[in-house]
Each structure stands twice: as structure tokens, then as C-alpha cells.
Amino acid sequence: MKQQRLYLAVAACVLISFGGHGKSTAQVPPSYVMIETYDGLLKAAAQGDIPAIRSLASNGANLNARDPRGRTPLMVAAHLQHHDAVRALIEAGADINALDKDRYDVITIAAVADDPEMISIAVAGGGDPTLITSRYDGTALIAAAHLGHDKVVKTLIESGAPLDHVNNLDWTALIEAIVLGDGGQRHTETVRALVSAGANVNLPDGNGIRPLRLALQRGYDDIAEILRNSGARP
């Protein structure tokens, strides 16, 4: 039964990694095959086995062991949404701000997984929401905004995530919510949260096009109205 639950969690994580609307991210959860190779803390983290985590940690196991993709036990637990396992690993001294080979940390993993509780756990345990992550030189906030994970966006804002960081695509979180969003309720609420928090509504993309113009081009009327009411220029 435990193994069945583990496989279901992995399957859900794989679906989440596609952002829920058909756009793949660079983030790769551990596969079934990979999980079968795990031992020690990686295995305990994948299973969410708190007693095993505590026993292994107290006996000197490497808290920051890496799988072939550079995932630590903390990252594995975050991918599989084992909240208590993440708490146990943090308490044991695992590095909450480590990056995997694709330059993802636990907070960005949780942002893509639409898991605000995990973000709160990570931040309380010393996680840094300002880290530059991913091959796009982005942030967890940009990743969450891209996917329209509005509750995660609000949690990250409250945690001090940078509102106007520009990634190497020349996009901010606000711009990604528009150009990679679907204009639906969750992306609209994402934009509302960013604007309410003070994101720069006139910061353009690399082509000099401002957020309001980007929203108008896509016919995202509700988003355009939020931007107009905040003083955005077309």
C-alpha cells in the first residue's frame, strides 16, 4: 500500500510538472525507475518515512546526498509533497537552499507543484525565496506566476520574493503571468496579487512592450482592467 501511494504521488507530480495547461517546465520529478534505485535518506525521503529519516540522520547519513540529477533528499520529499519529511530533514540540518542540476531549489519545486504549504515550511526553515533558479535565471515567483499558481504567488510575496526580477527571457513574474498564462481566473488573480503587492506595471519585456499592451494583444480584458486601474500605460 505504501508503494502504491508513492507511485500515485509520483504520477501526480509528473502531471504538475506540466503546469496544468500543457506547457512543460524544465523541472523533472524523480521517475518510478529512479525511485527504485534509491537507498538511505533518498529512499526514506521518497517514502515520507519520518522514523527512518531521523534514524539515518542521527547515525551520520549524508543529509545532502544526490541522485543522478542532483536532487537531495529534501528535493525528493518536496517533489512528492511529503511535508513532514521536509520538516524532519530541515530539523536534521539538510541544506534547504541547495540547487539540483537544473538549478531548482525546494521553494521553486514547491512553486511549480502548486504547494504553498511546502513553501511556508521551507521559508520557516531558512529557505530563501530570492534565489535565482532554473536555466532561465528566474525565481520561484516567476515560475508560479507563469503557471497561475495564485496562492503560491501570494505566499511567496508574503515571504519576500522579489517582485520585479527579470529573467534571461527579459520577463518579470507579471509579464510571464500574461504571456505564458491563459487569461483565466488563476492567472488573473496572480496578476492582481502582483499588482497589489507593488510590482512595476510599466516594466517592459525585451521588445519594449509593457504588460498592459501584452494583455490587450491577447484579449485578456480582466487583466487589462487590473493593470489600467493601477496606472499602467499601454
C-alpha atoms as a PDB file:
ATOM      1  CA  MET A   1       0.000   0.000   0.000  1.00  0.00           C
ATOM      2  CA  LYS A   2       2.841   2.406   0.836  1.00  0.00           C
ATOM      3  CA  GLN A   3       4.484   1.740  -2.531  1.00  0.00           C
ATOM      4  CA  GLN A   4       1.154   2.275  -4.329  1.00  0.00           C
ATOM      5  CA  ARG A   5       0.728   5.643  -2.623  1.00  0.00           C
ATOM      6  CA  LEU A   6       4.283   6.538  -3.588  1.00  0.00           C
ATOM      7  CA  TYR A   7       3.624   5.775  -7.264  1.00  0.00           C
ATOM      8  CA  LEU A   8       0.406   7.803  -7.200  1.00  0.00           C
ATOM      9  CA  ALA A   9       2.326  10.734  -5.733  1.00  0.00           C
ATOM     10  CA  VAL A  10       4.930  10.496  -8.471  1.00  0.00           C
ATOM     11  CA  ALA A  11       2.234  10.375 -11.156  1.00  0.00           C
ATOM     12  CA  ALA A  12       0.612  13.490  -9.711  1.00  0.00           C
ATOM     13  CA  CYS A  13       3.973  15.208  -9.584  1.00  0.00           C
ATOM     14  CA  VAL A  14       4.630  14.444 -13.246  1.00  0.00           C
ATOM     15  CA  LEU A  15       1.286  15.987 -14.189  1.00  0.00           C
ATOM     16  CA  ILE A  16       2.020  19.017 -12.050  1.00  0.00           C
ATOM     17  CA  SER A  17       5.365  19.472 -13.779  1.00  0.00           C
ATOM     18  CA  PHE A  18       3.492  20.301 -16.973  1.00  0.00           C
ATOM     19  CA  GLY A  19       1.875  23.269 -15.285  1.00  0.00           C
ATOM     20  CA  GLY A  20      -1.678  22.034 -15.651  1.00  0.00           C
ATOM     21  CA  HIS A  21      -2.168  23.681 -19.047  1.00  0.00           C
ATOM     22  CA  GLY A  22       0.096  21.833 -21.462  1.00  0.00           C
ATOM     23  CA  LYS A  23       3.299  23.840 -21.081  1.00  0.00           C
ATOM     24  CA  SER A  24       6.209  21.703 -19.934  1.00  0.00           C
ATOM     25  CA  THR A  25       8.710  23.098 -17.485  1.00  0.00           C
ATOM     26  CA  ALA A  26      12.369  22.160 -17.212  1.00  0.00           C
ATOM     27  CA  GLN A  27      11.723  20.687 -13.772  1.00  0.00           C
ATOM     28  CA  VAL A  28      11.935  16.898 -13.615  1.00  0.00           C
ATOM     29  CA  PRO A  29      10.453  14.923 -10.695  1.00  0.00           C
ATOM     30  CA  PRO A  30      12.088  11.592  -9.829  1.00  0.00           C
ATOM     31  CA  SER A  31      10.752   8.791 -12.019  1.00  0.00           C
ATOM     32  CA  TYR A  32       9.481   5.435 -10.790  1.00  0.00           C
ATOM     33  CA  VAL A  33      12.669   3.831 -12.084  1.00  0.00           C
ATOM     34  CA  MET A  34      14.855   6.360 -10.298  1.00  0.00           C
ATOM     35  CA  ILE A  35      12.989   5.929  -7.024  1.00  0.00           C
ATOM     36  CA  GLU A  36      13.542   2.181  -7.186  1.00  0.00           C
ATOM     37  CA  THR A  37      17.310   2.818  -7.125  1.00  0.00           C
ATOM     38  CA  TYR A  38      17.219   4.996  -4.021  1.00  0.00           C
ATOM     39  CA  ASP A  39      18.615   3.900  -0.705  1.00  0.00           C
ATOM     40  CA  GLY A  40      19.368   5.615   2.576  1.00  0.00           C
ATOM     41  CA  LEU A  41      17.945   9.080   3.036  1.00  0.00           C
ATOM     42  CA  LEU A  42      16.851   9.397  -0.592  1.00  0.00           C
ATOM     43  CA  LYS A  43      14.689   6.305  -0.171  1.00  0.00           C
ATOM     44  CA  ALA A  44      13.331   7.453   3.187  1.00  0.00           C
ATOM     45  CA  ALA A  45      12.512  10.888   1.739  1.00  0.00           C
ATOM     46  CA  ALA A  46      10.733   9.354  -1.261  1.00  0.00           C
ATOM     47  CA  GLN A  47       8.642   7.226   1.081  1.00  0.00           C
ATOM     48  CA  GLY A  48       8.000  10.048   3.542  1.00  0.00           C
ATOM     49  CA  ASP A  49       9.355   7.756   6.259  1.00  0.00           C
ATOM     50  CA  ILE A  50       9.958  10.086   9.222  1.00  0.00           C
ATOM     51  CA  PRO A  51      11.382   7.486  11.674  1.00  0.00           C
ATOM     52  CA  ALA A  52      13.855   6.317   9.024  1.00  0.00           C
ATOM     53  CA  ILE A  53      14.877   9.898   8.235  1.00  0.00           C
ATOM     54  CA  ARG A  54      15.518  10.647  11.910  1.00  0.00           C
ATOM     55  CA  SER A  55      17.374   7.372  12.489  1.00  0.00           C
ATOM     56  CA  LEU A  56      19.579   7.781   9.422  1.00  0.00           C
ATOM     57  CA  ALA A  57      20.302  11.433  10.204  1.00  0.00           C
ATOM     58  CA  SER A  58      21.238  10.664  13.813  1.00  0.00           C
ATOM     59  CA  ASN A  59      23.618   7.975  12.584  1.00  0.00           C
ATOM     60  CA  GLY A  60      25.541  10.323  10.332  1.00  0.00           C
ATOM     61  CA  ALA A  61      23.887   9.755   6.944  1.00  0.00           C
ATOM     62  CA  ASN A  62      24.673  12.368   4.301  1.00  0.00           C
ATOM     63  CA  LEU A  63      21.786  14.816   4.595  1.00  0.00           C
ATOM     64  CA  ASN A  64      22.608  16.297   1.199  1.00  0.00           C
ATOM     65  CA  ALA A  65      23.185  13.100  -0.778  1.00  0.00           C
ATOM     66  CA  ARG A  66      22.494  13.494  -4.500  1.00  0.00           C
ATOM     67  CA  ASP A  67      20.760  11.317  -7.053  1.00  0.00           C
ATOM     68  CA  PRO A  68      21.989  11.373 -10.690  1.00  0.00           C
ATOM     69  CA  ARG A  69      20.019  14.567 -11.402  1.00  0.00           C
ATOM     70  CA  GLY A  70      21.416  16.290  -8.344  1.00  0.00           C
ATOM     71  CA  ARG A  71      18.287  16.007  -6.233  1.00  0.00           C
ATOM     72  CA  THR A  72      18.831  15.896  -2.482  1.00  0.00           C
ATOM     73  CA  PRO A  73      16.504  14.069  -0.059  1.00  0.00           C
ATOM     74  CA  LEU A  74      14.847  17.421   0.650  1.00  0.00           C
ATOM     75  CA  MET A  75      14.149  17.952  -3.054  1.00  0.00           C
ATOM     76  CA  VAL A  76      12.760  14.434  -3.429  1.00  0.00           C
ATOM     77  CA  ALA A  77      10.439  14.963  -0.467  1.00  0.00           C
ATOM     78  CA  ALA A  78       9.346  18.317  -1.907  1.00  0.00           C
ATOM     79  CA  HIS A  79       8.639  16.815  -5.342  1.00  0.00           C
ATOM     80  CA  LEU A  80       6.475  14.147  -3.716  1.00  0.00           C
ATOM     81  CA  GLN A  81       4.855  16.656  -1.344  1.00  0.00           C
ATOM     82  CA  HIS A  82       5.915  14.900   1.859  1.00  0.00           C
ATOM     83  CA  HIS A  83       5.609  17.904   4.164  1.00  0.00           C
ATOM     84  CA  ASP A  84       6.584  16.170   7.395  1.00  0.00           C
ATOM     85  CA  ALA A  85       9.606  14.595   5.715  1.00  0.00           C
ATOM     86  CA  VAL A  86      10.777  18.047   4.667  1.00  0.00           C
ATOM     87  CA  ARG A  87      10.328  19.286   8.233  1.00  0.00           C
ATOM     88  CA  ALA A  88      12.335  16.346   9.579  1.00  0.00           C
ATOM     89  CA  LEU A  89      15.156  16.882   7.094  1.00  0.00           C
ATOM     90  CA  ILE A  90      15.324  20.600   7.848  1.00  0.00           C
ATOM     91  CA  GLU A  91      15.402  19.867  11.576  1.00  0.00           C
ATOM     92  CA  ALA A  92      18.273  17.446  10.962  1.00  0.00           C
ATOM     93  CA  GLY A  93      20.272  20.154   9.183  1.00  0.00           C
ATOM     94  CA  ALA A  94      19.760  19.473   5.466  1.00  0.00           C
ATOM     95  CA  ASP A  95      20.605  22.338   3.098  1.00  0.00           C
ATOM     96  CA  ILE A  96      17.260  23.923   2.236  1.00  0.00           C
ATOM     97  CA  ASN A  97      18.819  26.211  -0.402  1.00  0.00           C
ATOM     98  CA  ALA A  98      20.686  23.578  -2.426  1.00  0.00           C
ATOM     99  CA  LEU A  99      20.137  23.533  -6.204  1.00  0.00           C
ATOM    100  CA  ASP A 100      19.786  20.463  -8.413  1.00  0.00           C
ATOM    101  CA  LYS A 101      21.451  20.059 -11.819  1.00  0.00           C
ATOM    102  CA  ASP A 102      18.696  22.124 -13.440  1.00  0.00           C
ATOM    103  CA  ARG A 103      19.203  24.805 -10.753  1.00  0.00           C
ATOM    104  CA  TYR A 104      15.952  24.232  -8.908  1.00  0.00           C
ATOM    105  CA  ASP A 105      15.657  24.566  -5.146  1.00  0.00           C
ATOM    106  CA  VAL A 106      12.951  23.267  -2.800  1.00  0.00           C
ATOM    107  CA  ILE A 107      10.995  26.536  -2.941  1.00  0.00           C
ATOM    108  CA  THR A 108      10.882  26.590  -6.743  1.00  0.00           C
ATOM    109  CA  ILE A 109       9.963  22.894  -6.780  1.00  0.00           C
ATOM    110  CA  ALA A 110       7.069  23.683  -4.442  1.00  0.00           C
ATOM    111  CA  ALA A 111       6.068  26.691  -6.549  1.00  0.00           C
ATOM    112  CA  VAL A 112       5.758  24.538  -9.674  1.00  0.00           C
ATOM    113  CA  ALA A 113       3.924  21.858  -7.672  1.00  0.00           C
ATOM    114  CA  ASP A 114       1.337  24.437  -6.519  1.00  0.00           C
ATOM    115  CA  ASP A 115       2.183  23.685  -2.893  1.00  0.00           C
ATOM    116  CA  PRO A 116       2.021  26.844  -0.740  1.00  0.00           C
ATOM    117  CA  GLU A 117       2.294  24.833   2.479  1.00  0.00           C
ATOM    118  CA  MET A 118       5.643  23.447   1.361  1.00  0.00           C
ATOM    119  CA  ILE A 119       6.861  26.959   0.610  1.00  0.00           C
ATOM    120  CA  SER A 120       5.871  28.115   4.090  1.00  0.00           C
ATOM    121  CA  ILE A 121       7.697  25.148   5.617  1.00  0.00           C
ATOM    122  CA  ALA A 122      10.800  25.847   3.542  1.00  0.00           C
ATOM    123  CA  VAL A 123      10.867  29.573   4.321  1.00  0.00           C
ATOM    124  CA  ALA A 124      10.363  28.904   8.042  1.00  0.00           C
ATOM    125  CA  GLY A 125      13.318  26.523   7.804  1.00  0.00           C
ATOM    126  CA  GLY A 126      15.635  29.077   6.247  1.00  0.00           C
ATOM    127  CA  GLY A 127      14.686  28.788   2.576  1.00  0.00           C
ATOM    128  CA  ASP A 128      15.481  31.858   0.504  1.00  0.00           C
ATOM    129  CA  PRO A 129      12.641  32.997  -1.812  1.00  0.00           C
ATOM    130  CA  THR A 130      15.016  35.444  -3.519  1.00  0.00           C
ATOM    131  CA  LEU A 131      17.258  32.730  -5.006  1.00  0.00           C
ATOM    132  CA  ILE A 132      17.948  32.883  -8.753  1.00  0.00           C
ATOM    133  CA  THR A 133      16.906  29.489 -10.057  1.00  0.00           C
ATOM    134  CA  SER A 134      16.451  27.470 -13.256  1.00  0.00           C
ATOM    135  CA  ARG A 135      18.152  27.682 -16.632  1.00  0.00           C
ATOM    136  CA  TYR A 136      16.145  30.862 -17.198  1.00  0.00           C
ATOM    137  CA  ASP A 137      17.778  32.757 -14.308  1.00  0.00           C
ATOM    138  CA  GLY A 138      14.347  33.165 -12.816  1.00  0.00           C
ATOM    139  CA  THR A 139      12.803  32.889  -9.377  1.00  0.00           C
ATOM    140  CA  ALA A 140      10.189  30.746  -7.683  1.00  0.00           C
ATOM    141  CA  LEU A 141       7.783  33.673  -8.039  1.00  0.00           C
ATOM    142  CA  ILE A 142       8.254  33.810 -11.807  1.00  0.00           C
ATOM    143  CA  ALA A 143       7.679  30.050 -12.051  1.00  0.00           C
ATOM    144  CA  ALA A 144       4.481  30.291 -10.006  1.00  0.00           C
ATOM    145  CA  ALA A 145       3.212  33.287 -11.965  1.00  0.00           C
ATOM    146  CA  HIS A 146       3.848  31.501 -15.267  1.00  0.00           C
ATOM    147  CA  LEU A 147       1.629  28.633 -14.103  1.00  0.00           C
ATOM    148  CA  GLY A 148      -1.065  30.790 -12.494  1.00  0.00           C
ATOM    149  CA  HIS A 149      -0.486  29.304  -9.054  1.00  0.00           C
ATOM    150  CA  ASP A 150      -2.099  32.277  -7.352  1.00  0.00           C
ATOM    151  CA  LYS A 151      -1.986  31.004  -3.760  1.00  0.00           C
ATOM    152  CA  VAL A 152       1.686  30.173  -4.160  1.00  0.00           C
ATOM    153  CA  VAL A 153       2.282  33.635  -5.615  1.00  0.00           C
ATOM    154  CA  LYS A 154       0.651  35.214  -2.558  1.00  0.00           C
ATOM    155  CA  THR A 155       2.689  33.036  -0.202  1.00  0.00           C
ATOM    156  CA  LEU A 156       5.921  33.938  -1.977  1.00  0.00           C
ATOM    157  CA  ILE A 157       5.077  37.644  -1.936  1.00  0.00           C
ATOM    158  CA  GLU A 158       4.429  37.447   1.812  1.00  0.00           C
ATOM    159  CA  SER A 159       7.772  35.653   2.168  1.00  0.00           C
ATOM    160  CA  GLY A 160       9.709  38.464   0.494  1.00  0.00           C
ATOM    161  CA  ALA A 161      10.145  37.180  -3.041  1.00  0.00           C
ATOM    162  CA  PRO A 162      11.451  39.868  -5.443  1.00  0.00           C
ATOM    163  CA  LEU A 163       8.551  41.293  -7.449  1.00  0.00           C
ATOM    164  CA  ASP A 164      10.413  42.705 -10.432  1.00  0.00           C
ATOM    165  CA  HIS A 165      13.254  40.284 -11.099  1.00  0.00           C
ATOM    166  CA  VAL A 166      13.883  39.990 -14.846  1.00  0.00           C
ATOM    167  CA  ASN A 167      14.904  36.558 -16.131  1.00  0.00           C
ATOM    168  CA  ASN A 168      17.052  35.838 -19.172  1.00  0.00           C
ATOM    169  CA  LEU A 169      13.953  35.892 -21.380  1.00  0.00           C
ATOM    170  CA  ASP A 170      13.546  39.554 -20.338  1.00  0.00           C
ATOM    171  CA  TRP A 171      10.325  38.736 -18.479  1.00  0.00           C
ATOM    172  CA  THR A 172       9.176  39.534 -14.953  1.00  0.00           C
ATOM    173  CA  ALA A 173       6.659  37.499 -12.950  1.00  0.00           C
ATOM    174  CA  LEU A 174       3.933  39.911 -14.093  1.00  0.00           C
ATOM    175  CA  ILE A 175       4.867  39.525 -17.749  1.00  0.00           C
ATOM    176  CA  GLU A 176       5.077  35.728 -17.501  1.00  0.00           C
ATOM    177  CA  ALA A 177       1.597  35.603 -15.959  1.00  0.00           C
ATOM    178  CA  ILE A 178       0.368  37.327 -19.106  1.00  0.00           C
ATOM    179  CA  VAL A 179       2.439  35.934 -21.971  1.00  0.00           C
ATOM    180  CA  LEU A 180       2.539  32.338 -20.671  1.00  0.00           C
ATOM    181  CA  GLY A 181      -0.845  32.430 -18.955  1.00  0.00           C
ATOM    182  CA  ASP A 182      -4.303  31.610 -20.279  1.00  0.00           C
ATOM    183  CA  GLY A 183      -6.084  34.748 -19.116  1.00  0.00           C
ATOM    184  CA  GLY A 184      -8.283  32.668 -16.809  1.00  0.00           C
ATOM    185  CA  GLN A 185      -9.212  33.155 -13.185  1.00  0.00           C
ATOM    186  CA  ARG A 186      -5.997  31.917 -11.608  1.00  0.00           C
ATOM    187  CA  HIS A 187      -3.723  33.943 -13.885  1.00  0.00           C
ATOM    188  CA  THR A 188      -5.969  36.961 -13.317  1.00  0.00           C
ATOM    189  CA  GLU A 189      -5.698  36.509  -9.545  1.00  0.00           C
ATOM    190  CA  THR A 190      -1.942  36.108  -9.948  1.00  0.00           C
ATOM    191  CA  VAL A 191      -1.750  39.455 -11.728  1.00  0.00           C
ATOM    192  CA  ARG A 192      -3.981  41.048  -9.103  1.00  0.00           C
ATOM    193  CA  ALA A 193      -1.723  39.784  -6.308  1.00  0.00           C
ATOM    194  CA  LEU A 194       1.439  41.028  -8.025  1.00  0.00           C
ATOM    195  CA  VAL A 195      -0.038  44.440  -8.768  1.00  0.00           C
ATOM    196  CA  SER A 196      -1.439  44.802  -5.246  1.00  0.00           C
ATOM    197  CA  ALA A 197       1.986  43.983  -3.820  1.00  0.00           C
ATOM    198  CA  GLY A 198       3.608  46.755  -5.875  1.00  0.00           C
ATOM    199  CA  ALA A 199       5.016  45.021  -8.945  1.00  0.00           C
ATOM    200  CA  ASN A 200       6.126  47.505 -11.608  1.00  0.00           C
ATOM    201  CA  VAL A 201       3.233  47.548 -14.087  1.00  0.00           C
ATOM    202  CA  ASN A 202       5.195  49.538 -16.658  1.00  0.00           C
ATOM    203  CA  LEU A 203       8.359  47.445 -16.808  1.00  0.00           C
ATOM    204  CA  PRO A 204       8.508  46.228 -20.437  1.00  0.00           C
ATOM    205  CA  ASP A 205       9.696  42.989 -21.952  1.00  0.00           C
ATOM    206  CA  GLY A 206      12.835  42.715 -24.092  1.00  0.00           C
ATOM    207  CA  ASN A 207      10.964  44.163 -27.063  1.00  0.00           C
ATOM    208  CA  GLY A 208       9.878  47.235 -25.123  1.00  0.00           C
ATOM    209  CA  ILE A 209       6.251  46.083 -24.813  1.00  0.00           C
ATOM    210  CA  ARG A 210       4.589  46.834 -21.479  1.00  0.00           C
ATOM    211  CA  PRO A 211       2.291  44.444 -19.578  1.00  0.00           C
ATOM    212  CA  LEU A 212      -0.926  46.296 -20.489  1.00  0.00           C
ATOM    213  CA  ARG A 213      -0.183  46.079 -24.198  1.00  0.00           C
ATOM    214  CA  LEU A 214       0.674  42.380 -23.818  1.00  0.00           C
ATOM    215  CA  ALA A 215      -2.677  41.765 -22.108  1.00  0.00           C
ATOM    216  CA  LEU A 216      -4.595  43.730 -24.742  1.00  0.00           C
ATOM    217  CA  GLN A 217      -2.883  41.833 -27.552  1.00  0.00           C
ATOM    218  CA  ARG A 218      -4.143  38.573 -26.063  1.00  0.00           C
ATOM    219  CA  GLY A 219      -7.647  39.784 -25.294  1.00  0.00           C
ATOM    220  CA  TYR A 220      -7.218  39.360 -21.552  1.00  0.00           C
ATOM    221  CA  ASP A 221      -9.745  42.029 -20.598  1.00  0.00           C
ATOM    222  CA  ASP A 222      -9.882  41.356 -16.848  1.00  0.00           C
ATOM    223  CA  ILE A 223      -6.102  41.502 -16.574  1.00  0.00           C
ATOM    224  CA  ALA A 224      -6.013  44.653 -18.695  1.00  0.00           C
ATOM    225  CA  GLU A 225      -8.547  46.275 -16.358  1.00  0.00           C
ATOM    226  CA  ILE A 226      -6.434  45.466 -13.297  1.00  0.00           C
ATOM    227  CA  LEU A 227      -3.404  46.997 -14.994  1.00  0.00           C
ATOM    228  CA  ARG A 228      -5.290  50.123 -16.128  1.00  0.00           C
ATOM    229  CA  ASN A 229      -6.592  50.685 -12.598  1.00  0.00           C
ATOM    230  CA  SER A 230      -3.030  50.506 -11.297  1.00  0.00           C
ATOM    231  CA  GLY A 231      -1.799  53.241 -13.652  1.00  0.00           C
ATOM    232  CA  ALA A 232      -0.286  51.020 -16.321  1.00  0.00           C
ATOM    233  CA  ARG A 233       0.491  52.595 -19.670  1.00  0.00           C
ATOM    234  CA  PRO A 234      -0.134  50.763 -22.954  1.00  0.00           C
END
